[in-house]
Protein backbone atom coordinates (compact mmCIF):
# COMPACT_ATOMS: atom_id res chain seq x y z
CA MET A 1 -18.29 24.79 39.49
CA THR A 2 -15.91 26.53 41.52
CA GLN A 3 -15.02 30.28 41.06
CA SER A 4 -11.63 29.70 39.42
CA MET A 5 -13.12 27.18 36.96
CA ARG A 6 -16.02 29.68 36.28
CA LYS A 7 -13.47 32.50 35.69
CA GLY A 8 -11.50 30.10 33.19
CA VAL A 9 -14.61 29.34 31.31
CA GLU A 10 -15.36 32.89 30.98
CA GLN A 11 -11.92 33.65 29.65
CA ILE A 12 -12.33 31.35 26.74
CA ASP A 13 -12.64 33.09 23.21
CA TRP A 14 -15.63 30.97 22.14
CA ALA A 15 -15.45 32.93 18.75
CA ALA A 16 -12.16 31.37 18.22
CA VAL A 17 -13.23 27.98 19.47
CA ARG A 18 -16.40 27.58 17.59
CA PRO A 19 -14.64 27.39 13.97
CA VAL A 20 -12.26 24.67 15.23
CA ALA A 21 -15.01 22.77 16.82
CA LEU A 22 -16.85 22.53 13.57
CA ASP A 23 -13.80 21.48 11.62
CA ALA A 24 -13.27 18.80 14.14
CA ALA A 25 -16.78 17.61 14.03
CA LEU A 26 -16.58 17.50 10.21
CA ALA A 27 -13.39 15.51 10.13
CA ALA A 28 -14.87 13.16 12.83
CA VAL A 29 -17.85 12.56 10.79
CA ALA A 30 -15.94 11.88 7.77
CA LEU A 31 -13.43 9.52 9.63
CA VAL A 32 -16.35 7.66 11.27
CA VAL A 33 -18.02 7.10 8.06
CA LEU A 34 -14.94 5.78 6.42
CA GLY A 35 -14.12 3.62 9.61
CA TRP A 36 -17.58 2.10 9.72
CA LEU A 37 -17.37 1.10 6.11
CA LYS A 38 -14.03 -0.62 6.16
CA LEU A 39 -13.21 -1.34 9.73
CA HIS A 40 -13.15 -4.98 9.35
CA PRO A 41 -10.00 -7.03 10.11
CA GLY A 42 -7.99 -7.25 6.86
CA LEU A 43 -5.89 -10.25 5.68
CA ASP A 44 -2.57 -8.52 6.82
CA TRP A 45 -3.90 -7.73 10.24
CA ARG A 46 -5.21 -11.50 10.83
CA GLU A 47 -1.82 -12.88 9.68
CA GLU A 48 0.72 -10.31 11.06
CA ALA A 49 -0.62 -8.29 14.04
CA GLN A 50 -3.62 -10.35 15.31
CA PRO A 51 -1.44 -13.24 17.07
CA ALA A 52 0.71 -10.66 18.88
CA VAL A 53 -2.35 -8.55 19.92
CA HIS A 54 -3.88 -11.76 21.44
CA ALA A 55 -0.84 -12.44 23.33
CA LEU A 56 -0.92 -8.88 24.53
CA LEU A 57 -4.39 -8.99 25.73
CA ALA A 58 -3.67 -12.28 27.51
CA GLY A 59 -1.03 -10.65 29.37
CA HIS A 60 1.96 -12.68 27.79
CA VAL A 61 4.20 -9.68 27.32
CA HIS A 62 7.23 -12.00 25.89
CA SER A 63 4.86 -13.82 23.50
CA PHE A 64 3.73 -10.32 22.25
CA LEU A 65 7.20 -9.27 21.62
CA THR A 66 8.30 -12.47 19.74
CA LEU A 67 5.10 -12.79 17.56
CA ALA A 68 4.72 -8.93 16.96
CA PRO A 69 5.40 -7.98 13.12
CA ILE A 70 8.36 -5.44 12.01
CA TYR A 71 5.94 -2.61 12.88
CA GLY A 72 5.32 -4.08 16.49
CA ALA A 73 6.28 -0.70 18.08
CA SER A 74 3.01 0.79 16.34
CA LEU A 75 1.01 -1.80 18.43
CA VAL A 76 2.84 -0.46 21.69
CA LEU A 77 1.80 3.00 20.61
CA ARG A 78 -1.84 1.85 20.49
CA ALA A 79 -1.69 -0.57 23.50
CA PRO A 80 -3.97 1.72 25.59
CA PHE A 81 -6.79 1.29 23.32
CA LEU A 82 -6.28 -2.45 22.67
CA LEU A 83 -6.18 -2.89 26.33
CA ALA A 84 -9.34 -1.12 26.87
CA THR A 85 -11.35 -3.93 24.83
CA LYS A 86 -10.21 -6.30 27.40
CA LEU A 87 -12.51 -4.63 29.91
CA SER A 88 -15.55 -5.33 27.82
CA HIS A 89 -14.37 -8.94 26.68
CA SER A 90 -14.66 -7.63 23.06
CA GLY A 91 -14.24 -9.83 19.96
CA ASP A 92 -11.69 -9.56 17.33
CA LEU A 93 -13.55 -6.86 15.24
CA ALA A 94 -13.85 -4.40 18.17
CA VAL A 95 -10.14 -5.20 19.12
CA TYR A 96 -9.27 -4.19 15.41
CA ARG A 97 -11.41 -1.02 15.41
CA ALA A 98 -9.82 -0.13 18.71
CA SER A 99 -6.48 -0.40 17.11
CA ALA A 100 -7.52 1.86 14.49
CA ILE A 101 -8.93 4.78 16.74
CA PRO A 102 -5.68 6.49 17.33
CA CYS A 103 -4.56 6.45 13.80
CA LEU A 104 -7.98 7.83 12.82
CA MET A 105 -7.65 10.42 15.65
CA ALA A 106 -4.08 11.52 14.40
CA THR A 107 -5.52 11.91 10.79
CA GLY A 108 -8.25 14.13 12.13
CA ALA A 109 -6.06 16.20 14.18
CA LEU A 110 -3.87 16.73 11.14
CA ALA A 111 -6.98 17.82 9.07
CA VAL A 112 -8.11 20.35 11.76
CA TRP A 113 -4.56 21.78 12.00
CA LEU A 114 -4.23 22.12 8.19
CA SER A 115 -7.75 23.81 8.13
CA ALA A 116 -6.81 26.14 11.06
CA GLN A 117 -3.61 27.26 9.04
CA MET A 118 -6.12 28.09 6.06
CA ARG A 119 -8.25 30.19 8.46
CA VAL A 120 -5.45 32.13 9.68
CA LYS A 121 -4.52 32.92 6.18
CA GLY A 122 -7.99 34.10 5.44
CA SER A 123 -8.99 31.44 3.04
CA SER A 124 -12.56 30.64 1.84
CA THR A 125 -14.85 28.37 3.55
CA VAL A 126 -14.78 26.04 0.45
CA ALA A 127 -10.87 25.89 0.57
CA ARG A 128 -10.95 24.81 4.32
CA VAL A 129 -13.72 22.25 3.73
CA LEU A 130 -11.73 20.75 0.78
CA VAL A 131 -8.67 20.63 3.02
CA LEU A 132 -10.64 18.70 5.62
CA LEU A 133 -12.23 16.48 3.11
CA VAL A 134 -8.92 15.59 1.24
CA CYS A 135 -7.23 14.73 4.62
CA ALA A 136 -10.01 13.15 6.49
CA ALA A 137 -12.36 11.66 3.84
CA ASN A 138 -9.58 10.49 1.66
CA PRO A 139 -10.58 7.07 -0.28
CA LEU A 140 -7.19 5.86 0.06
CA ILE A 141 -8.10 5.75 4.03
CA MET A 142 -10.68 3.06 3.36
CA TRP A 143 -8.14 0.83 1.65
CA ALA A 144 -5.53 1.14 4.20
CA LEU A 145 -8.24 -0.04 6.75
CA LYS A 146 -9.57 -2.71 4.43
CA TRP A 147 -6.11 -4.14 4.28
CA GLY A 148 -5.42 -4.13 7.98
CA HIS A 149 -2.97 -1.38 8.03
CA PRO A 150 -4.32 1.65 9.94
CA GLU A 151 -0.71 2.49 11.20
CA GLU A 152 0.06 3.80 8.01
CA LEU A 153 -2.28 6.76 8.75
CA LEU A 154 -0.67 7.39 11.84
CA SER A 155 2.82 7.50 10.38
CA ALA A 156 1.55 9.66 7.44
CA ALA A 157 0.24 11.93 9.93
CA PHE A 158 3.48 12.01 12.20
CA CYS A 159 5.70 12.66 9.33
CA VAL A 160 3.97 15.51 7.91
CA ALA A 161 3.36 17.00 11.41
CA ALA A 162 7.15 16.70 12.01
CA VAL A 163 7.88 18.76 8.88
CA LEU A 164 5.22 21.29 10.04
CA CYS A 165 6.71 21.64 13.41
CA ALA A 166 10.23 22.10 12.03
CA LEU A 167 9.10 24.76 9.75
CA ARG A 168 7.91 26.57 13.20
CA GLU A 169 11.47 25.90 14.55
CA ARG A 170 9.91 23.74 17.08
CA SER A 171 12.66 21.26 16.84
CA ILE A 172 11.98 19.11 20.07
CA ALA A 173 8.41 18.47 18.89
CA ALA A 174 9.58 17.60 15.29
CA ALA A 175 12.22 15.13 16.72
CA VAL A 176 9.67 13.38 18.81
CA LEU A 177 7.08 12.92 16.17
CA LEU A 178 9.68 11.83 13.62
CA GLY A 179 10.89 9.29 16.34
CA LEU A 180 7.37 8.01 16.58
CA ALA A 181 6.66 8.00 12.88
CA ILE A 182 9.94 5.83 12.48
CA ALA A 183 9.08 3.26 15.12
CA ASN A 184 5.48 3.01 13.96
CA LYS A 185 6.54 2.21 10.33
CA GLU A 186 10.22 1.96 9.13
CA TRP A 187 9.40 3.89 5.86
CA ALA A 188 9.15 7.04 7.86
CA VAL A 189 12.88 7.38 8.00
CA LEU A 190 12.30 9.00 4.39
CA ALA A 191 11.16 12.21 6.48
CA THR A 192 14.55 12.62 8.20
CA GLY A 193 15.77 14.63 5.23
CA PRO A 194 12.73 17.04 4.82
CA VAL A 195 12.58 17.70 8.77
CA LEU A 196 16.25 18.58 8.78
CA VAL A 197 15.88 20.92 5.54
CA ALA A 198 12.90 22.61 7.28
CA LEU A 199 14.90 23.18 10.63
CA PRO A 200 17.02 26.47 10.48
CA ARG A 201 19.13 25.18 13.51
CA ALA A 202 19.64 22.63 16.05
CA ARG A 203 19.63 19.76 13.56
CA ILE A 204 22.11 17.23 15.26
CA ARG A 205 19.90 17.50 18.48
CA THR A 206 17.10 16.86 16.55
CA LEU A 207 18.52 13.74 15.11
CA LEU A 208 19.59 12.40 18.29
CA ILE A 209 16.07 12.77 19.86
CA ALA A 210 14.42 11.43 17.19
CA GLY A 211 16.83 8.25 17.05
CA GLY A 212 16.44 8.02 20.90
CA VAL A 213 12.54 7.82 20.74
CA ALA A 214 12.67 5.23 17.97
CA ALA A 215 15.28 3.10 19.65
CA ALA A 216 13.17 3.19 22.90
CA LEU A 217 10.17 2.11 21.25
CA MET A 218 11.86 -0.78 19.41
CA ALA A 219 14.17 -1.93 21.83
CA PRO A 220 12.04 -4.19 23.69
CA PHE A 221 11.60 -6.25 20.42
CA MET A 222 15.09 -6.11 19.58
CA LEU A 223 16.05 -7.70 23.06
CA ALA A 224 13.10 -10.27 23.25
CA THR A 225 13.71 -11.57 19.56
CA ALA A 226 17.24 -12.37 18.57
CA GLY A 227 16.15 -12.11 15.04
CA PHE A 228 14.23 -9.07 14.90
CA THR A 229 17.01 -6.89 13.46
CA GLY A 230 17.46 -9.51 10.83
CA GLN A 231 13.63 -9.64 10.08
CA VAL A 232 13.53 -5.61 9.75
CA LYS A 233 16.58 -6.03 7.52
CA ALA A 234 15.10 -8.86 5.41
CA VAL A 235 12.01 -6.79 4.84
CA GLY A 236 13.76 -3.65 4.16
CA THR A 237 16.33 -5.24 1.42
CA GLY A 238 14.26 -7.91 0.07
CA THR A 239 10.94 -7.97 -1.87
CA GLY A 240 10.44 -11.69 -2.42
CA THR A 241 7.86 -12.75 -4.91
CA ILE A 242 5.32 -9.89 -4.21
CA PHE A 243 5.02 -7.92 -7.42
CA HIS A 244 2.27 -5.39 -8.02
CA PRO A 245 1.41 -3.64 -11.31
CA TRP A 246 1.60 -0.14 -9.93
CA GLN A 247 5.26 0.28 -9.96
CA ILE A 248 8.15 1.04 -12.45
CA TRP A 249 9.63 -2.57 -12.64
CA TRP A 250 6.36 -4.22 -13.88
CA PHE A 251 7.30 -4.66 -17.34
CA PHE A 252 10.90 -6.17 -16.35
CA GLY A 253 9.03 -9.14 -14.89
CA SER A 254 8.83 -12.62 -16.37
CA PHE A 255 5.63 -13.29 -18.21
CA PRO A 256 3.05 -15.01 -18.35
CA HIS A 257 2.26 -16.76 -15.05
CA PRO A 258 -1.19 -17.59 -13.50
CA HIS A 259 -2.46 -15.07 -11.15
CA PRO A 260 -1.76 -16.10 -7.42
CA GLY A 261 -5.16 -15.18 -6.24
CA LEU A 262 -4.14 -11.94 -4.27
CA PHE A 263 -6.67 -9.58 -5.75
CA VAL A 264 -8.38 -10.74 -8.86
CA PHE A 265 -9.84 -14.13 -9.24
CA ASP A 266 -10.10 -14.01 -12.98
CA PRO A 267 -8.29 -16.79 -14.95
CA ASN A 268 -7.88 -14.40 -17.83
CA PHE A 269 -5.71 -12.27 -15.74
CA VAL A 270 -1.88 -13.13 -16.13
CA TYR A 271 0.58 -12.23 -13.69
CA ARG A 272 4.43 -11.41 -13.80
CA LEU A 273 6.98 -12.64 -11.53
CA PRO A 274 9.89 -10.04 -10.53
CA PRO A 275 13.16 -10.37 -12.22
CA SER A 276 16.07 -12.10 -10.14
CA TRP A 277 18.16 -8.92 -10.33
CA LEU A 278 15.55 -6.80 -8.50
CA GLY A 279 16.06 -8.36 -5.03
CA GLY A 280 15.89 -5.57 -2.55
CA LEU A 281 16.72 -2.77 -5.08
CA GLY A 282 13.05 -1.43 -4.79
CA HIS A 283 13.17 -1.26 -1.08
CA SER A 284 16.73 0.07 -0.47
CA LEU A 285 17.05 2.42 -3.57
CA VAL A 286 14.75 5.05 -2.17
CA VAL A 287 16.29 5.07 1.23
CA VAL A 288 19.69 5.43 -0.36
CA LEU A 289 18.26 8.43 -2.44
CA MET A 290 17.04 10.16 0.47
CA PRO A 291 20.23 11.68 1.60
CA VAL A 292 21.42 12.30 -2.05
CA LEU A 293 18.27 14.19 -2.84
CA THR A 294 18.32 15.96 0.25
CA ALA A 295 21.77 17.17 0.02
CA LEU A 296 21.09 18.37 -3.64
CA TYR A 297 18.32 20.10 -2.29
CA GLY A 298 20.34 21.94 -0.04
CA LEU A 299 22.83 22.88 -2.70
CA VAL A 300 20.30 24.00 -5.11
CA ARG A 301 17.69 25.78 -3.06
CA HIS A 302 19.55 26.84 -0.11
CA PRO A 303 17.10 26.18 2.49
CA ARG A 304 17.68 29.08 4.79
CA ALA A 305 15.34 31.13 2.72
CA GLY A 306 11.65 30.98 3.92
CA ARG A 307 10.24 29.69 0.56
CA ALA A 308 12.82 26.96 0.17
CA ARG A 309 12.13 25.77 3.94
CA GLN A 310 8.41 25.68 3.07
CA ASP A 311 9.16 23.35 0.16
CA ALA A 312 10.70 20.94 2.44
CA LEU A 313 7.07 19.45 2.35
CA LEU A 314 7.38 19.26 -1.23
CA LEU A 315 10.62 17.34 -1.00
CA LEU A 316 8.81 15.04 1.42
CA ALA A 317 6.21 14.44 -1.43
CA LEU A 318 8.75 13.77 -3.77
CA LEU A 319 10.40 11.00 -1.56
CA LEU A 320 7.20 9.58 -0.64
CA ALA A 321 6.14 9.24 -4.43
CA LEU A 322 9.50 7.65 -5.24
CA ARG A 323 8.84 5.23 -2.33
CA CYS A 324 5.73 4.04 -4.10
CA MET A 325 6.98 4.08 -7.45
CA LEU A 326 10.24 1.89 -6.70
CA ASP A 327 8.51 -0.49 -4.55
CA PRO A 328 7.32 -3.82 -6.11
CA TRP A 329 5.08 -4.22 -3.32
CA ASP A 330 3.32 -0.74 -4.08
CA ILE A 331 -0.44 -0.74 -3.46
CA SER A 332 -3.01 1.84 -3.02
CA TYR A 333 -2.63 2.87 0.55
CA TYR A 334 1.02 3.38 0.13
CA TRP A 335 -0.08 6.81 -1.54
CA LEU A 336 -1.66 8.17 1.29
CA PRO A 337 1.43 9.69 2.89
CA PHE A 338 2.35 11.37 -0.28
CA LEU A 339 -1.27 13.02 -0.56
CA PHE A 340 -1.01 14.17 3.07
CA ALA A 341 2.48 15.92 2.25
CA LEU A 342 1.36 17.32 -0.93
CA LEU A 343 -1.89 18.68 0.87
CA ALA A 344 0.26 20.20 3.57
CA TRP A 345 2.49 22.08 1.03
CA GLU A 346 -0.51 23.41 -0.78
CA VAL A 347 -1.76 24.73 2.55
CA VAL A 348 1.65 26.21 3.70
CA SER A 349 2.14 27.64 0.24
CA THR A 350 -1.05 29.15 -0.82
CA ARG A 351 -4.36 30.54 0.23
CA ARG A 352 -6.28 28.79 -2.52
CA ALA A 353 -8.24 25.57 -2.44
CA PRO A 354 -5.88 22.36 -2.61
CA MET A 355 -6.86 21.49 -6.24
CA MET A 356 -3.51 19.76 -6.69
CA SER A 357 -4.26 17.41 -3.98
CA LEU A 358 -7.70 16.92 -4.74
CA VAL A 359 -6.83 16.21 -8.36
CA ALA A 360 -4.27 13.66 -7.23
CA THR A 361 -6.52 11.91 -4.83
CA ALA A 362 -9.03 11.27 -7.54
CA VAL A 363 -6.28 10.23 -10.04
CA ALA A 364 -4.83 7.84 -7.45
CA ALA A 365 -8.19 6.59 -6.42
CA TRP A 366 -9.10 5.50 -10.15
CA THR A 367 -5.56 4.56 -11.11
CA LEU A 368 -4.69 2.24 -8.29
CA GLN A 369 -7.66 -0.13 -8.65
CA ASN A 370 -8.17 -3.20 -10.65
CA HIS A 371 -9.95 -1.72 -13.81
CA PHE A 372 -8.19 -3.65 -16.41
CA ALA A 373 -5.75 -6.34 -17.14
CA PHE A 374 -2.46 -6.18 -15.03
CA ASP A 375 -0.20 -5.13 -18.09
CA THR A 376 -2.80 -2.29 -19.02
CA GLN A 377 -3.07 -1.13 -15.47
CA ALA A 378 0.66 -1.00 -15.26
CA ALA A 379 0.96 1.01 -18.51
CA VAL A 380 -1.78 3.45 -17.08
CA PHE A 381 0.19 3.83 -13.88
CA LEU A 382 3.39 4.77 -15.90
CA VAL A 383 1.63 7.16 -18.05
CA VAL A 384 0.10 9.04 -15.12
CA SER A 385 2.94 8.72 -12.49
CA VAL A 386 6.22 9.21 -14.50
CA PRO A 387 5.19 12.71 -16.01
CA SER A 388 3.79 13.69 -12.44
CA LEU A 389 6.98 12.74 -10.77
CA LEU A 390 9.08 14.69 -13.17
CA ALA A 391 6.86 17.77 -12.74
CA LEU A 392 7.32 17.27 -9.08
CA ALA A 393 11.04 17.03 -9.29
CA VAL A 394 11.01 20.27 -11.42
CA ALA A 395 8.88 22.06 -8.55
CA VAL A 396 11.23 20.73 -5.91
CA TYR A 397 14.76 21.63 -7.30
CA ALA A 398 14.01 24.44 -10.05
CA PRO A 399 10.58 26.10 -9.26
CA ASP A 400 11.42 29.20 -11.18
CA ALA A 401 12.16 27.13 -14.28
CA GLY A 402 8.90 25.48 -13.63
CA ARG A 403 7.01 28.82 -13.44
CA ARG A 404 8.72 29.74 -16.70
CA ILE A 405 7.73 26.72 -18.48
CA LEU A 406 4.00 27.36 -17.39
CA ALA A 407 4.13 30.93 -18.54
CA VAL A 408 5.53 29.98 -22.09
CA SER A 409 2.91 27.25 -22.36
CA ARG A 410 -0.01 29.81 -21.29
CA ARG A 411 1.21 32.33 -23.99
CA VAL A 412 1.57 29.57 -26.73
CA ALA A 413 -2.07 28.18 -25.87
CA ALA A 414 -3.35 31.61 -25.64
CA PRO A 415 -5.46 32.76 -28.90
CA PRO A 416 -3.70 35.45 -30.99
CA GLU A 417 -4.80 38.85 -30.20
CA SER A 418 -6.75 40.53 -33.17
CA ALA A 419 -5.06 43.24 -34.87
CA PRO A 420 -6.47 46.86 -34.10
CA ALA A 421 -8.77 48.22 -36.81
CA SER A 422 -7.10 51.07 -39.04
CA SER A 423 -8.68 54.47 -38.68
């Protein structure tokens, strides 16, 4: 070891490094356990991404670009990990696991970052551990891996990190992260409004940089495939016949129909088909609502103020919740970005343990599974999600009113004070 290296090691503040290393170790263990349990190529991976990955590993770049799904740019971001498997002549299982490594690493990095913010605030060890577990040991991570969509983790981490960077006035970092998130998965465009709300300045530059990053990653697919733009548009504006019970449109569907065998192989389960008028409404409505809700936030909350800027994370959580509720394709892992945004907001806004995120994770893990017949599942989902969405909207747009309502409800629920005894 040279003298300069020795001096550098001696200057490291090991007291500050040690807790970060412990957090990173805990997050890594949690993610390795989840990954080991569910890191097997899911149906979507085999049908959508695997042919393009095989072409990439064989060195056929043009075939890779033409075979790639609409989130092909995500495979470009993960290409170094995919190509590393070629050196060891690995099979499909190892290739899929390699594709998930950067997604799990991004999730772990977000968990450590949020835990570090709690430590700076002087939060308890229990609170910091809960932050790590909600982010890195979330059961919805297993479902994303099970269905073959580890890129959902990557976009979730990028979106939340972009808003966090914007809150710190790091506009270039926020723009790059936002652009990477949009290129990785198109729904990340919903984070554009919250990022702009969180930034006090340089908003136009941020938009230009984010658009440039996303365009640079997606341009090869547009140039190689004449119909790529049309494919993206078709997926963005059309929902086809996919229709799941965890969304607000379920009871508008035609009934009954035999179950198509996607999730439950039980002939007693009946299935609804989407109404013809729904079309692309479920996918496009939330994209249309994003600028409207962001503009309303700017009018009502005046985000130049510190607390209003922090609540940009809550606005992101609201938009991501709407994305799930309005999407006829809604499935369990779609809620993961919402939970990350809610967790980040709790970390930024309070020193306490993230109980809201913990409860939301537990409720989502129970609600978004096939416990009952589809109509019952849809009813339970609506009973849980609609009041929660309304409460979230009140917290975003009228936090003072929400606090007054809570104060009144506590007074009403409190037992009456006993009358003082007379002398």
